[in-house]
């Protein structure tokens, strides 16, 4: 949730509305004794209106404040959180929700606060990989006959066309950054990407995906609990995008680590999921590299404009990801029939 400066003027008013909600409803709904609390606006939350409540009892709560025109986003976050909780996905629990902006000056969502650190490749152990893979499989086991935005996806057909357009946007961004110069095999790569449309259209059902994991969106608490967080990008799609991201980012492209991760993951999925993943893996793997290519091209362009020397390194990484994606698409065309 991005807020312009004018939206931050009434932070004190919003905090007062939150205090009123806590005393009016939250404590009684949670069957808790009313307690004194302090409201903190974290440095990283100044643009998101995310607050942390420190209760006198020592408990902490995480609060999101939505403005009235952000109701669809608030309702989506509530619905997804409840859906994940109902399906056993490890996420911070939703404790309270109030859609009464006239009384509380905002739409309020109260979640369990988790003191934690992001899970990074350096934390890798076979046990942690298996736990992560099992949680990811629980997320992806939430299925729908249509693709699109949760909680009620509406896409009936054309999934392949939608995905191909999405990936070609990455290619356009790479070209617009002009970091790689004239790309001789660009048209060939675009043609190879389009060959996957029919294969993508054959997906019979769709999985709830996070789309922005791992990275900072998988966290580990001091007592060893794992959580997935931040689901504004959640989408009913095909699970391979999330899984490939874990292979590259968490497993660091180590084949033995990927094997451990996949074994735990597919043990919790349907038998046909593995076959479908193997068919579509080259496309999603190439997509990952094209996304990384675009990210590095953007960073290189910014460095060059600022006269910073890091631009060459980003340019080199961008080129490497482009070449990797090109090789994958050339060596692994979609199967026929």
C-alpha atoms as a PDB file:
ATOM      1  CA  UNK A   1       0.000   0.000   0.000  1.00  0.00           C
ATOM      2  CA  UNK A   2       1.704   3.173  -1.119  1.00  0.00           C
ATOM      3  CA  UNK A   3       0.550   6.442   0.421  1.00  0.00           C
ATOM      4  CA  UNK A   4       1.355   9.920  -0.837  1.00  0.00           C
ATOM      5  CA  UNK A   5       2.558  12.503   1.678  1.00  0.00           C
ATOM      6  CA  UNK A   6      -0.887  14.058   2.141  1.00  0.00           C
ATOM      7  CA  UNK A   7      -2.202  10.717   3.386  1.00  0.00           C
ATOM      8  CA  UNK A   8       0.302  10.706   6.227  1.00  0.00           C
ATOM      9  CA  UNK A   9      -0.895  14.002   7.760  1.00  0.00           C
ATOM     10  CA  UNK A  10      -3.639  12.291   9.775  1.00  0.00           C
ATOM     11  CA  UNK A  11      -1.546   9.492  11.246  1.00  0.00           C
ATOM     12  CA  UNK A  12      -2.438  10.708  14.742  1.00  0.00           C
ATOM     13  CA  UNK A  13      -6.129  10.578  13.835  1.00  0.00           C
ATOM     14  CA  UNK A  14      -5.724   7.056  12.494  1.00  0.00           C
ATOM     15  CA  UNK A  15      -3.943   5.974  15.661  1.00  0.00           C
ATOM     16  CA  UNK A  16      -6.805   7.383  17.715  1.00  0.00           C
ATOM     17  CA  UNK A  17      -9.254   5.394  15.612  1.00  0.00           C
ATOM     18  CA  UNK A  18      -7.199   2.281  16.248  1.00  0.00           C
ATOM     19  CA  UNK A  19      -7.251   2.923  20.005  1.00  0.00           C
ATOM     20  CA  UNK A  20     -11.019   3.262  19.866  1.00  0.00           C
ATOM     21  CA  UNK A  21     -11.355  -0.029  17.950  1.00  0.00           C
ATOM     22  CA  UNK A  22      -9.142  -1.901  20.400  1.00  0.00           C
ATOM     23  CA  UNK A  23     -11.217  -0.745  23.368  1.00  0.00           C
ATOM     24  CA  UNK A  24     -14.585  -1.002  21.577  1.00  0.00           C
ATOM     25  CA  UNK A  25     -14.221  -4.422  20.031  1.00  0.00           C
ATOM     26  CA  UNK A  26     -10.864  -6.154  19.813  1.00  0.00           C
ATOM     27  CA  UNK A  27     -10.252  -7.047  23.437  1.00  0.00           C
ATOM     28  CA  UNK A  28     -13.795  -8.296  23.955  1.00  0.00           C
ATOM     29  CA  UNK A  29     -13.795 -10.299  20.695  1.00  0.00           C
ATOM     30  CA  UNK A  30     -10.515 -11.939  21.706  1.00  0.00           C
ATOM     31  CA  UNK A  31     -11.810 -12.508  25.249  1.00  0.00           C
ATOM     32  CA  UNK A  32      -8.872 -10.515  26.580  1.00  0.00           C
ATOM     33  CA  UNK A  33      -8.744  -8.122  29.465  1.00  0.00           C
ATOM     34  CA  UNK A  34      -8.367  -4.537  28.178  1.00  0.00           C
ATOM     35  CA  UNK A  35      -4.698  -3.573  28.427  1.00  0.00           C
ATOM     36  CA  UNK A  36      -2.612  -0.492  27.976  1.00  0.00           C
ATOM     37  CA  UNK A  37      -0.640  -0.433  24.749  1.00  0.00           C
ATOM     38  CA  UNK A  38       1.731   1.683  22.713  1.00  0.00           C
ATOM     39  CA  UNK A  39       1.479   2.195  18.958  1.00  0.00           C
ATOM     40  CA  UNK A  40       4.676   2.232  16.908  1.00  0.00           C
ATOM     41  CA  UNK A  41       5.031   3.284  13.283  1.00  0.00           C
ATOM     42  CA  UNK A  42       8.053   1.285  12.105  1.00  0.00           C
ATOM     43  CA  UNK A  43      10.563   2.947   9.805  1.00  0.00           C
ATOM     44  CA  UNK A  44       9.726   0.396   7.106  1.00  0.00           C
ATOM     45  CA  UNK A  45       6.010   0.996   7.556  1.00  0.00           C
ATOM     46  CA  UNK A  46       5.811   4.743   7.009  1.00  0.00           C
ATOM     47  CA  UNK A  47       4.569   4.210   3.450  1.00  0.00           C
ATOM     48  CA  UNK A  48       2.344   1.230   4.162  1.00  0.00           C
ATOM     49  CA  UNK A  49       0.562   2.410   7.342  1.00  0.00           C
ATOM     50  CA  UNK A  50       1.631  -0.786   9.032  1.00  0.00           C
ATOM     51  CA  UNK A  51       1.699  -0.443  12.823  1.00  0.00           C
ATOM     52  CA  UNK A  52       3.002  -2.527  15.686  1.00  0.00           C
ATOM     53  CA  UNK A  53       1.127  -2.560  18.971  1.00  0.00           C
ATOM     54  CA  UNK A  54       3.065  -3.248  22.162  1.00  0.00           C
ATOM     55  CA  UNK A  55       0.639  -4.401  24.845  1.00  0.00           C
ATOM     56  CA  UNK A  56       1.439  -3.962  28.538  1.00  0.00           C
ATOM     57  CA  UNK A  57       1.159  -7.750  28.823  1.00  0.00           C
ATOM     58  CA  UNK A  58       4.226  -8.091  26.586  1.00  0.00           C
ATOM     59  CA  UNK A  59       2.261  -9.281  23.554  1.00  0.00           C
ATOM     60  CA  UNK A  60       2.738  -7.582  20.196  1.00  0.00           C
ATOM     61  CA  UNK A  61       0.269  -7.231  17.346  1.00  0.00           C
ATOM     62  CA  UNK A  62       0.747  -6.302  13.696  1.00  0.00           C
ATOM     63  CA  UNK A  63      -1.852  -3.880  12.305  1.00  0.00           C
ATOM     64  CA  UNK A  64      -2.649  -2.776   8.762  1.00  0.00           C
ATOM     65  CA  UNK A  65      -4.680   0.384   8.218  1.00  0.00           C
ATOM     66  CA  UNK A  66      -6.483   0.723   4.870  1.00  0.00           C
ATOM     67  CA  UNK A  67      -8.183   3.853   3.598  1.00  0.00           C
ATOM     68  CA  UNK A  68     -11.825   3.478   2.450  1.00  0.00           C
ATOM     69  CA  UNK A  69     -10.896   3.441  -1.249  1.00  0.00           C
ATOM     70  CA  UNK A  70      -8.568   0.497  -0.530  1.00  0.00           C
ATOM     71  CA  UNK A  71     -11.433  -1.737   0.575  1.00  0.00           C
ATOM     72  CA  UNK A  72     -10.887  -4.292  -2.250  1.00  0.00           C
ATOM     73  CA  UNK A  73      -7.273  -4.719  -1.165  1.00  0.00           C
ATOM     74  CA  UNK A  74      -8.286  -5.055   2.492  1.00  0.00           C
ATOM     75  CA  UNK A  75     -10.982  -7.605   1.679  1.00  0.00           C
ATOM     76  CA  UNK A  76      -8.594  -9.589  -0.528  1.00  0.00           C
ATOM     77  CA  UNK A  77      -5.972  -9.717   2.218  1.00  0.00           C
ATOM     78  CA  UNK A  78      -8.591 -10.867   4.733  1.00  0.00           C
ATOM     79  CA  UNK A  79     -10.015 -13.540   2.418  1.00  0.00           C
ATOM     80  CA  UNK A  80      -6.611 -14.941   1.453  1.00  0.00           C
ATOM     81  CA  UNK A  81      -5.374 -15.023   5.044  1.00  0.00           C
ATOM     82  CA  UNK A  82      -8.485 -16.886   6.161  1.00  0.00           C
ATOM     83  CA  UNK A  83      -8.229 -19.266   3.193  1.00  0.00           C
ATOM     84  CA  UNK A  84      -4.612 -20.073   4.020  1.00  0.00           C
ATOM     85  CA  UNK A  85      -5.383 -20.584   7.696  1.00  0.00           C
ATOM     86  CA  UNK A  86      -8.270 -22.916   6.805  1.00  0.00           C
ATOM     87  CA  UNK A  87      -5.928 -24.997   4.633  1.00  0.00           C
ATOM     88  CA  UNK A  88      -3.125 -25.312   7.161  1.00  0.00           C
ATOM     89  CA  UNK A  89      -0.658 -22.952   5.502  1.00  0.00           C
ATOM     90  CA  UNK A  90       1.611 -21.395   8.107  1.00  0.00           C
ATOM     91  CA  UNK A  91       0.838 -17.668   8.058  1.00  0.00           C
ATOM     92  CA  UNK A  92       0.445 -15.088  10.831  1.00  0.00           C
ATOM     93  CA  UNK A  93      -3.101 -15.483  12.162  1.00  0.00           C
ATOM     94  CA  UNK A  94      -5.761 -12.891  11.420  1.00  0.00           C
ATOM     95  CA  UNK A  95      -7.035 -11.825  14.853  1.00  0.00           C
ATOM     96  CA  UNK A  96      -9.350  -8.919  14.120  1.00  0.00           C
ATOM     97  CA  UNK A  97     -10.944  -7.016  11.247  1.00  0.00           C
ATOM     98  CA  UNK A  98     -13.140  -3.909  11.273  1.00  0.00           C
ATOM     99  CA  UNK A  99     -14.633  -2.257   8.198  1.00  0.00           C
ATOM    100  CA  UNK A 100     -16.058   0.841   9.907  1.00  0.00           C
ATOM    101  CA  UNK A 101     -13.998   3.771   8.544  1.00  0.00           C
ATOM    102  CA  UNK A 102     -16.551   6.368   9.657  1.00  0.00           C
ATOM    103  CA  UNK A 103     -15.972   5.374  13.260  1.00  0.00           C
ATOM    104  CA  UNK A 104     -12.343   4.255  13.204  1.00  0.00           C
ATOM    105  CA  UNK A 105     -11.090   6.450  10.300  1.00  0.00           C
ATOM    106  CA  UNK A 106      -9.744   3.406   8.426  1.00  0.00           C
ATOM    107  CA  UNK A 107     -10.355  -0.265   7.725  1.00  0.00           C
ATOM    108  CA  UNK A 108      -8.390  -2.169  10.349  1.00  0.00           C
ATOM    109  CA  UNK A 109      -6.771  -5.593  10.097  1.00  0.00           C
ATOM    110  CA  UNK A 110      -5.000  -7.033  13.162  1.00  0.00           C
ATOM    111  CA  UNK A 111      -2.621  -9.958  12.752  1.00  0.00           C
ATOM    112  CA  UNK A 112      -0.362 -12.054  14.909  1.00  0.00           C
ATOM    113  CA  UNK A 113       3.039 -10.393  15.221  1.00  0.00           C
ATOM    114  CA  UNK A 114       5.969 -12.712  14.520  1.00  0.00           C
ATOM    115  CA  UNK A 115       9.451 -11.778  15.668  1.00  0.00           C
ATOM    116  CA  UNK A 116      11.499 -13.348  12.922  1.00  0.00           C
ATOM    117  CA  UNK A 117      14.277 -13.289  10.363  1.00  0.00           C
ATOM    118  CA  UNK A 118      13.937 -13.915   6.601  1.00  0.00           C
ATOM    119  CA  UNK A 119      14.893 -17.387   5.438  1.00  0.00           C
ATOM    120  CA  UNK A 120      17.969 -17.182   3.181  1.00  0.00           C
ATOM    121  CA  UNK A 121      20.069 -19.820   1.351  1.00  0.00           C
ATOM    122  CA  UNK A 122      22.622 -19.746   4.168  1.00  0.00           C
ATOM    123  CA  UNK A 123      19.964 -21.269   6.458  1.00  0.00           C
ATOM    124  CA  UNK A 124      19.626 -24.327   4.228  1.00  0.00           C
ATOM    125  CA  UNK A 125      19.412 -27.734   5.884  1.00  0.00           C
ATOM    126  CA  UNK A 126      17.630 -30.801   4.491  1.00  0.00           C
ATOM    127  CA  UNK A 127      15.144 -30.578   7.380  1.00  0.00           C
ATOM    128  CA  UNK A 128      14.357 -26.911   6.729  1.00  0.00           C
ATOM    129  CA  UNK A 129      14.074 -27.568   2.978  1.00  0.00           C
ATOM    130  CA  UNK A 130      11.554 -30.344   3.619  1.00  0.00           C
ATOM    131  CA  UNK A 131       9.475 -28.121   5.902  1.00  0.00           C
ATOM    132  CA  UNK A 132       9.502 -25.293   3.381  1.00  0.00           C
ATOM    133  CA  UNK A 133       8.579 -27.636   0.551  1.00  0.00           C
ATOM    134  CA  UNK A 134       5.670 -29.088   2.544  1.00  0.00           C
ATOM    135  CA  UNK A 135       4.310 -25.621   3.335  1.00  0.00           C
ATOM    136  CA  UNK A 136       4.646 -24.588  -0.305  1.00  0.00           C
ATOM    137  CA  UNK A 137       2.751 -27.722  -1.356  1.00  0.00           C
ATOM    138  CA  UNK A 138      -0.063 -26.833   1.082  1.00  0.00           C
ATOM    139  CA  UNK A 139      -0.301 -23.404  -0.533  1.00  0.00           C
ATOM    140  CA  UNK A 140      -0.352 -24.855  -4.045  1.00  0.00           C
ATOM    141  CA  UNK A 141      -2.877 -27.543  -3.056  1.00  0.00           C
ATOM    142  CA  UNK A 142      -5.489 -24.782  -2.840  1.00  0.00           C
ATOM    143  CA  UNK A 143      -6.931 -25.156  -6.327  1.00  0.00           C
ATOM    144  CA  UNK A 144      -9.540 -23.558  -8.544  1.00  0.00           C
ATOM    145  CA  UNK A 145     -11.024 -24.388 -11.978  1.00  0.00           C
ATOM    146  CA  UNK A 146     -10.301 -20.815 -13.143  1.00  0.00           C
ATOM    147  CA  UNK A 147      -7.254 -18.576 -13.075  1.00  0.00           C
ATOM    148  CA  UNK A 148      -6.984 -15.033 -11.821  1.00  0.00           C
ATOM    149  CA  UNK A 149      -7.323 -12.954  -8.686  1.00  0.00           C
ATOM    150  CA  UNK A 150      -8.418 -14.682  -5.487  1.00  0.00           C
ATOM    151  CA  UNK A 151     -10.688 -15.268  -3.766  1.00  0.00           C
ATOM    152  CA  UNK A 152     -12.900 -15.768  -6.840  1.00  0.00           C
ATOM    153  CA  UNK A 153     -10.817 -16.138 -10.022  1.00  0.00           C
ATOM    154  CA  UNK A 154     -12.727 -15.452 -13.215  1.00  0.00           C
ATOM    155  CA  UNK A 155     -10.458 -16.575 -16.064  1.00  0.00           C
ATOM    156  CA  UNK A 156     -12.178 -19.280 -18.095  1.00  0.00           C
ATOM    157  CA  UNK A 157      -9.780 -19.598 -21.024  1.00  0.00           C
ATOM    158  CA  UNK A 158      -6.756 -17.948 -22.561  1.00  0.00           C
ATOM    159  CA  UNK A 159      -4.378 -18.643 -19.677  1.00  0.00           C
ATOM    160  CA  UNK A 160      -1.552 -19.327 -22.136  1.00  0.00           C
ATOM    161  CA  UNK A 161      -2.106 -16.051 -23.980  1.00  0.00           C
ATOM    162  CA  UNK A 162      -2.152 -14.152 -20.675  1.00  0.00           C
ATOM    163  CA  UNK A 163       1.106 -15.700 -19.452  1.00  0.00           C
ATOM    164  CA  UNK A 164       2.893 -15.225 -22.775  1.00  0.00           C
ATOM    165  CA  UNK A 165       1.930 -11.529 -22.803  1.00  0.00           C
ATOM    166  CA  UNK A 166       3.234 -11.231 -19.256  1.00  0.00           C
ATOM    167  CA  UNK A 167       6.591 -12.758 -20.167  1.00  0.00           C
ATOM    168  CA  UNK A 168       6.898 -10.725 -23.381  1.00  0.00           C
ATOM    169  CA  UNK A 169       6.503  -7.599 -21.237  1.00  0.00           C
ATOM    170  CA  UNK A 170       9.750  -8.624 -19.545  1.00  0.00           C
ATOM    171  CA  UNK A 171      11.433  -8.858 -22.935  1.00  0.00           C
ATOM    172  CA  UNK A 172      10.121  -5.394 -23.853  1.00  0.00           C
ATOM    173  CA  UNK A 173      11.485  -3.929 -20.621  1.00  0.00           C
ATOM    174  CA  UNK A 174      14.883  -5.449 -21.321  1.00  0.00           C
ATOM    175  CA  UNK A 175      14.916  -3.854 -24.770  1.00  0.00           C
ATOM    176  CA  UNK A 176      13.731  -0.488 -23.406  1.00  0.00           C
ATOM    177  CA  UNK A 177      16.586  -0.333 -20.902  1.00  0.00           C
ATOM    178  CA  UNK A 178      19.037  -0.536 -23.855  1.00  0.00           C
ATOM    179  CA  UNK A 179      21.643  -2.119 -21.618  1.00  0.00           C
ATOM    180  CA  UNK A 180      22.241  -5.154 -23.835  1.00  0.00           C
ATOM    181  CA  UNK A 181      22.381  -3.134 -27.036  1.00  0.00           C
ATOM    182  CA  UNK A 182      21.045  -4.735 -30.180  1.00  0.00           C
ATOM    183  CA  UNK A 183      19.946  -8.265 -29.250  1.00  0.00           C
ATOM    184  CA  UNK A 184      20.441 -10.427 -32.357  1.00  0.00           C
ATOM    185  CA  UNK A 185      18.318 -13.369 -31.171  1.00  0.00           C
ATOM    186  CA  UNK A 186      15.443 -11.342 -29.685  1.00  0.00           C
ATOM    187  CA  UNK A 187      12.911 -12.245 -32.403  1.00  0.00           C
ATOM    188  CA  UNK A 188      13.929 -15.892 -32.221  1.00  0.00           C
ATOM    189  CA  UNK A 189      13.462 -15.914 -28.443  1.00  0.00           C
ATOM    190  CA  UNK A 190      10.031 -14.277 -28.748  1.00  0.00           C
ATOM    191  CA  UNK A 191       8.975 -16.910 -31.286  1.00  0.00           C
ATOM    192  CA  UNK A 192      10.177 -19.680 -28.963  1.00  0.00           C
ATOM    193  CA  UNK A 193       8.201 -18.230 -26.056  1.00  0.00           C
ATOM    194  CA  UNK A 194       5.022 -18.114 -28.125  1.00  0.00           C
ATOM    195  CA  UNK A 195       5.362 -21.806 -28.914  1.00  0.00           C
ATOM    196  CA  UNK A 196       4.453 -22.534 -25.273  1.00  0.00           C
ATOM    197  CA  UNK A 197       0.994 -20.949 -25.446  1.00  0.00           C
ATOM    198  CA  UNK A 198      -0.894 -24.123 -26.345  1.00  0.00           C
ATOM    199  CA  UNK A 199       0.914 -26.134 -23.658  1.00  0.00           C
ATOM    200  CA  UNK A 200      -0.046 -23.538 -21.043  1.00  0.00           C
ATOM    201  CA  UNK A 201      -3.650 -23.572 -22.242  1.00  0.00           C
ATOM    202  CA  UNK A 202      -3.852 -27.313 -21.467  1.00  0.00           C
ATOM    203  CA  UNK A 203      -3.532 -26.796 -17.697  1.00  0.00           C
ATOM    204  CA  UNK A 204      -6.799 -28.277 -16.343  1.00  0.00           C
ATOM    205  CA  UNK A 205      -6.861 -26.476 -12.974  1.00  0.00           C
ATOM    206  CA  UNK A 206      -4.935 -23.755 -11.215  1.00  0.00           C
ATOM    207  CA  UNK A 207      -3.044 -23.425  -7.949  1.00  0.00           C
ATOM    208  CA  UNK A 208      -2.993 -20.553  -5.505  1.00  0.00           C
ATOM    209  CA  UNK A 209       0.493 -19.078  -5.894  1.00  0.00           C
ATOM    210  CA  UNK A 210       2.371 -16.439  -3.930  1.00  0.00           C
ATOM    211  CA  UNK A 211       4.412 -15.108  -6.890  1.00  0.00           C
ATOM    212  CA  UNK A 212       6.971 -13.237  -4.745  1.00  0.00           C
ATOM    213  CA  UNK A 213       8.787 -15.914  -2.786  1.00  0.00           C
ATOM    214  CA  UNK A 214      11.166 -16.850  -1.358  1.00  0.00           C
ATOM    215  CA  UNK A 215      13.294 -13.862  -0.292  1.00  0.00           C
ATOM    216  CA  UNK A 216      11.892 -11.764   2.542  1.00  0.00           C
ATOM    217  CA  UNK A 217       8.466 -13.362   2.344  1.00  0.00           C
ATOM    218  CA  UNK A 218       9.470 -16.586   4.096  1.00  0.00           C
ATOM    219  CA  UNK A 219      10.361 -16.003   7.726  1.00  0.00           C
ATOM    220  CA  UNK A 220      11.614 -18.079  10.634  1.00  0.00           C
ATOM    221  CA  UNK A 221      10.772 -17.289  14.254  1.00  0.00           C
ATOM    222  CA  UNK A 222      13.276 -17.802  17.103  1.00  0.00           C
ATOM    223  CA  UNK A 223      11.358 -20.893  18.249  1.00  0.00           C
ATOM    224  CA  UNK A 224      11.736 -22.465  14.793  1.00  0.00           C
ATOM    225  CA  UNK A 225       8.304 -21.773  13.307  1.00  0.00           C
ATOM    226  CA  UNK A 226       8.071 -21.059   9.569  1.00  0.00           C
ATOM    227  CA  UNK A 227       5.688 -18.518   8.076  1.00  0.00           C
ATOM    228  CA  UNK A 228       4.771 -17.269   4.616  1.00  0.00           C
ATOM    229  CA  UNK A 229       3.866 -13.573   4.622  1.00  0.00           C
ATOM    230  CA  UNK A 230       2.666 -10.772   2.310  1.00  0.00           C
ATOM    231  CA  UNK A 231       0.139 -12.038  -0.226  1.00  0.00           C
ATOM    232  CA  UNK A 232      -0.905  -8.976  -2.285  1.00  0.00           C
ATOM    233  CA  UNK A 233       0.456 -10.727  -5.396  1.00  0.00           C
ATOM    234  CA  UNK A 234      -1.328 -14.034  -4.699  1.00  0.00           C
ATOM    235  CA  UNK A 235      -2.877 -15.420  -7.871  1.00  0.00           C
ATOM    236  CA  UNK A 236      -4.496 -18.595  -9.152  1.00  0.00           C
ATOM    237  CA  UNK A 237      -1.954 -19.711 -11.718  1.00  0.00           C
ATOM    238  CA  UNK A 238       0.393 -22.669 -12.206  1.00  0.00           C
ATOM    239  CA  UNK A 239       2.617 -23.612  -9.275  1.00  0.00           C
ATOM    240  CA  UNK A 240       5.847 -23.887 -11.308  1.00  0.00           C
ATOM    241  CA  UNK A 241       6.696 -20.187 -10.979  1.00  0.00           C
ATOM    242  CA  UNK A 242       6.937 -20.404  -7.176  1.00  0.00           C
ATOM    243  CA  UNK A 243       8.735 -23.736  -7.258  1.00  0.00           C
ATOM    244  CA  UNK A 244      11.363 -22.609  -9.781  1.00  0.00           C
ATOM    245  CA  UNK A 245      11.980 -19.512  -7.671  1.00  0.00           C
ATOM    246  CA  UNK A 246      12.751 -21.730  -4.671  1.00  0.00           C
ATOM    247  CA  UNK A 247      15.123 -23.818  -6.782  1.00  0.00           C
ATOM    248  CA  UNK A 248      17.154 -20.773  -7.771  1.00  0.00           C
ATOM    249  CA  UNK A 249      16.919 -18.588  -4.699  1.00  0.00           C
ATOM    250  CA  UNK A 250      16.759 -20.960  -1.742  1.00  0.00           C
ATOM    251  CA  UNK A 251      18.434 -24.063  -3.167  1.00  0.00           C
ATOM    252  CA  UNK A 252      21.020 -21.907  -5.009  1.00  0.00           C
ATOM    253  CA  UNK A 253      20.743 -24.093  -8.129  1.00  0.00           C
ATOM    254  CA  UNK A 254      22.361 -27.005  -6.244  1.00  0.00           C
ATOM    255  CA  UNK A 255      20.977 -30.185  -7.831  1.00  0.00           C
ATOM    256  CA  UNK A 256      21.182 -32.210  -4.609  1.00  0.00           C
ATOM    257  CA  UNK A 257      19.313 -29.516  -2.671  1.00  0.00           C
ATOM    258  CA  UNK A 258      16.696 -29.254  -5.409  1.00  0.00           C
ATOM    259  CA  UNK A 259      16.213 -33.029  -5.307  1.00  0.00           C
ATOM    260  CA  UNK A 260      15.606 -32.918  -1.532  1.00  0.00           C
ATOM    261  CA  UNK A 261      13.201 -30.016  -1.922  1.00  0.00           C
ATOM    262  CA  UNK A 262      11.275 -31.629  -4.786  1.00  0.00           C
ATOM    263  CA  UNK A 263      10.972 -34.975  -2.992  1.00  0.00           C
ATOM    264  CA  UNK A 264       9.225 -33.364  -0.020  1.00  0.00           C
ATOM    265  CA  UNK A 265       7.168 -31.076  -2.238  1.00  0.00           C
ATOM    266  CA  UNK A 266       5.755 -33.649  -4.665  1.00  0.00           C
ATOM    267  CA  UNK A 267       5.072 -36.099  -1.824  1.00  0.00           C
ATOM    268  CA  UNK A 268       2.291 -33.691  -0.818  1.00  0.00           C
ATOM    269  CA  UNK A 269       0.999 -32.957  -4.334  1.00  0.00           C
ATOM    270  CA  UNK A 270      -1.109 -34.936  -6.808  1.00  0.00           C
ATOM    271  CA  UNK A 271       0.748 -37.574  -8.875  1.00  0.00           C
ATOM    272  CA  UNK A 272      -0.011 -35.770 -12.136  1.00  0.00           C
ATOM    273  CA  UNK A 273       1.462 -32.512 -10.830  1.00  0.00           C
ATOM    274  CA  UNK A 274       5.013 -33.792 -11.208  1.00  0.00           C
ATOM    275  CA  UNK A 275       4.449 -34.827 -14.832  1.00  0.00           C
ATOM    276  CA  UNK A 276       2.884 -31.478 -15.641  1.00  0.00           C
ATOM    277  CA  UNK A 277       5.750 -29.642 -13.939  1.00  0.00           C
ATOM    278  CA  UNK A 278       8.352 -31.557 -15.940  1.00  0.00           C
ATOM    279  CA  UNK A 279       6.605 -30.582 -19.177  1.00  0.00           C
ATOM    280  CA  UNK A 280       6.408 -26.871 -18.303  1.00  0.00           C
ATOM    281  CA  UNK A 281       9.610 -26.494 -16.299  1.00  0.00           C
ATOM    282  CA  UNK A 282      11.737 -25.173 -19.220  1.00  0.00           C
ATOM    283  CA  UNK A 283       9.290 -22.346 -19.905  1.00  0.00           C
ATOM    284  CA  UNK A 284       9.103 -21.250 -16.262  1.00  0.00           C
ATOM    285  CA  UNK A 285      12.850 -21.595 -15.857  1.00  0.00           C
ATOM    286  CA  UNK A 286      13.407 -19.315 -18.857  1.00  0.00           C
ATOM    287  CA  UNK A 287      10.821 -16.879 -17.449  1.00  0.00           C
ATOM    288  CA  UNK A 288      12.779 -16.703 -14.188  1.00  0.00           C
ATOM    289  CA  UNK A 289      15.977 -15.804 -16.030  1.00  0.00           C
ATOM    290  CA  UNK A 290      14.229 -13.203 -18.181  1.00  0.00           C
ATOM    291  CA  UNK A 291      12.843 -11.584 -15.030  1.00  0.00           C
ATOM    292  CA  UNK A 292      16.314 -11.492 -13.487  1.00  0.00           C
ATOM    293  CA  UNK A 293      17.661 -10.126 -16.758  1.00  0.00           C
ATOM    294  CA  UNK A 294      15.130  -7.277 -16.654  1.00  0.00           C
ATOM    295  CA  UNK A 295      15.887  -6.517 -12.981  1.00  0.00           C
ATOM    296  CA  UNK A 296      19.622  -6.307 -13.626  1.00  0.00           C
ATOM    297  CA  UNK A 297      19.137  -4.276 -16.806  1.00  0.00           C
ATOM    298  CA  UNK A 298      17.067  -1.779 -14.848  1.00  0.00           C
ATOM    299  CA  UNK A 299      19.716  -1.572 -12.121  1.00  0.00           C
ATOM    300  CA  UNK A 300      22.466  -1.139 -14.724  1.00  0.00           C
ATOM    301  CA  UNK A 301      20.600   1.668 -16.449  1.00  0.00           C
ATOM    302  CA  UNK A 302      20.155   3.524 -13.151  1.00  0.00           C
ATOM    303  CA  UNK A 303      23.855   3.148 -12.355  1.00  0.00           C
ATOM    304  CA  UNK A 304      24.923   4.405 -15.770  1.00  0.00           C
ATOM    305  CA  UNK A 305      22.677   7.447 -15.450  1.00  0.00           C
ATOM    306  CA  UNK A 306      24.133   8.195 -12.023  1.00  0.00           C
ATOM    307  CA  UNK A 307      27.681   7.651 -13.238  1.00  0.00           C
ATOM    308  CA  UNK A 308      28.225   4.739 -10.851  1.00  0.00           C
ATOM    309  CA  UNK A 309      30.680   1.981 -11.652  1.00  0.00           C
ATOM    310  CA  UNK A 310      28.387  -0.828 -10.534  1.00  0.00           C
ATOM    311  CA  UNK A 311      26.540  -0.584 -13.825  1.00  0.00           C
ATOM    312  CA  UNK A 312      28.991  -2.860 -15.643  1.00  0.00           C
ATOM    313  CA  UNK A 313      28.459  -5.644 -13.135  1.00  0.00           C
ATOM    314  CA  UNK A 314      24.678  -5.429 -13.457  1.00  0.00           C
ATOM    315  CA  UNK A 315      25.053  -5.328 -17.234  1.00  0.00           C
ATOM    316  CA  UNK A 316      27.136  -8.508 -17.145  1.00  0.00           C
ATOM    317  CA  UNK A 317      24.574 -10.300 -14.962  1.00  0.00           C
ATOM    318  CA  UNK A 318      21.763  -9.173 -17.242  1.00  0.00           C
ATOM    319  CA  UNK A 319      23.586 -10.573 -20.269  1.00  0.00           C
ATOM    320  CA  UNK A 320      24.199 -13.886 -18.497  1.00  0.00           C
ATOM    321  CA  UNK A 321      20.521 -14.306 -17.621  1.00  0.00           C
ATOM    322  CA  UNK A 322      19.481 -13.477 -21.195  1.00  0.00           C
ATOM    323  CA  UNK A 323      21.865 -16.060 -22.610  1.00  0.00           C
ATOM    324  CA  UNK A 324      20.687 -18.688 -20.106  1.00  0.00           C
ATOM    325  CA  UNK A 325      17.044 -18.089 -20.994  1.00  0.00           C
ATOM    326  CA  UNK A 326      17.882 -18.286 -24.701  1.00  0.00           C
ATOM    327  CA  UNK A 327      19.680 -21.608 -24.272  1.00  0.00           C
ATOM    328  CA  UNK A 328      16.833 -23.110 -22.238  1.00  0.00           C
ATOM    329  CA  UNK A 329      14.200 -22.182 -24.818  1.00  0.00           C
ATOM    330  CA  UNK A 330      16.330 -23.389 -27.720  1.00  0.00           C
ATOM    331  CA  UNK A 331      17.305 -26.706 -26.143  1.00  0.00           C
ATOM    332  CA  UNK A 332      13.889 -27.513 -24.595  1.00  0.00           C
ATOM    333  CA  UNK A 333      11.027 -26.706 -26.968  1.00  0.00           C
ATOM    334  CA  UNK A 334       7.487 -27.670 -25.889  1.00  0.00           C
ATOM    335  CA  UNK A 335       6.527 -31.280 -26.467  1.00  0.00           C
ATOM    336  CA  UNK A 336       4.234 -32.105 -29.311  1.00  0.00           C
ATOM    337  CA  UNK A 337       1.059 -34.007 -28.530  1.00  0.00           C
END
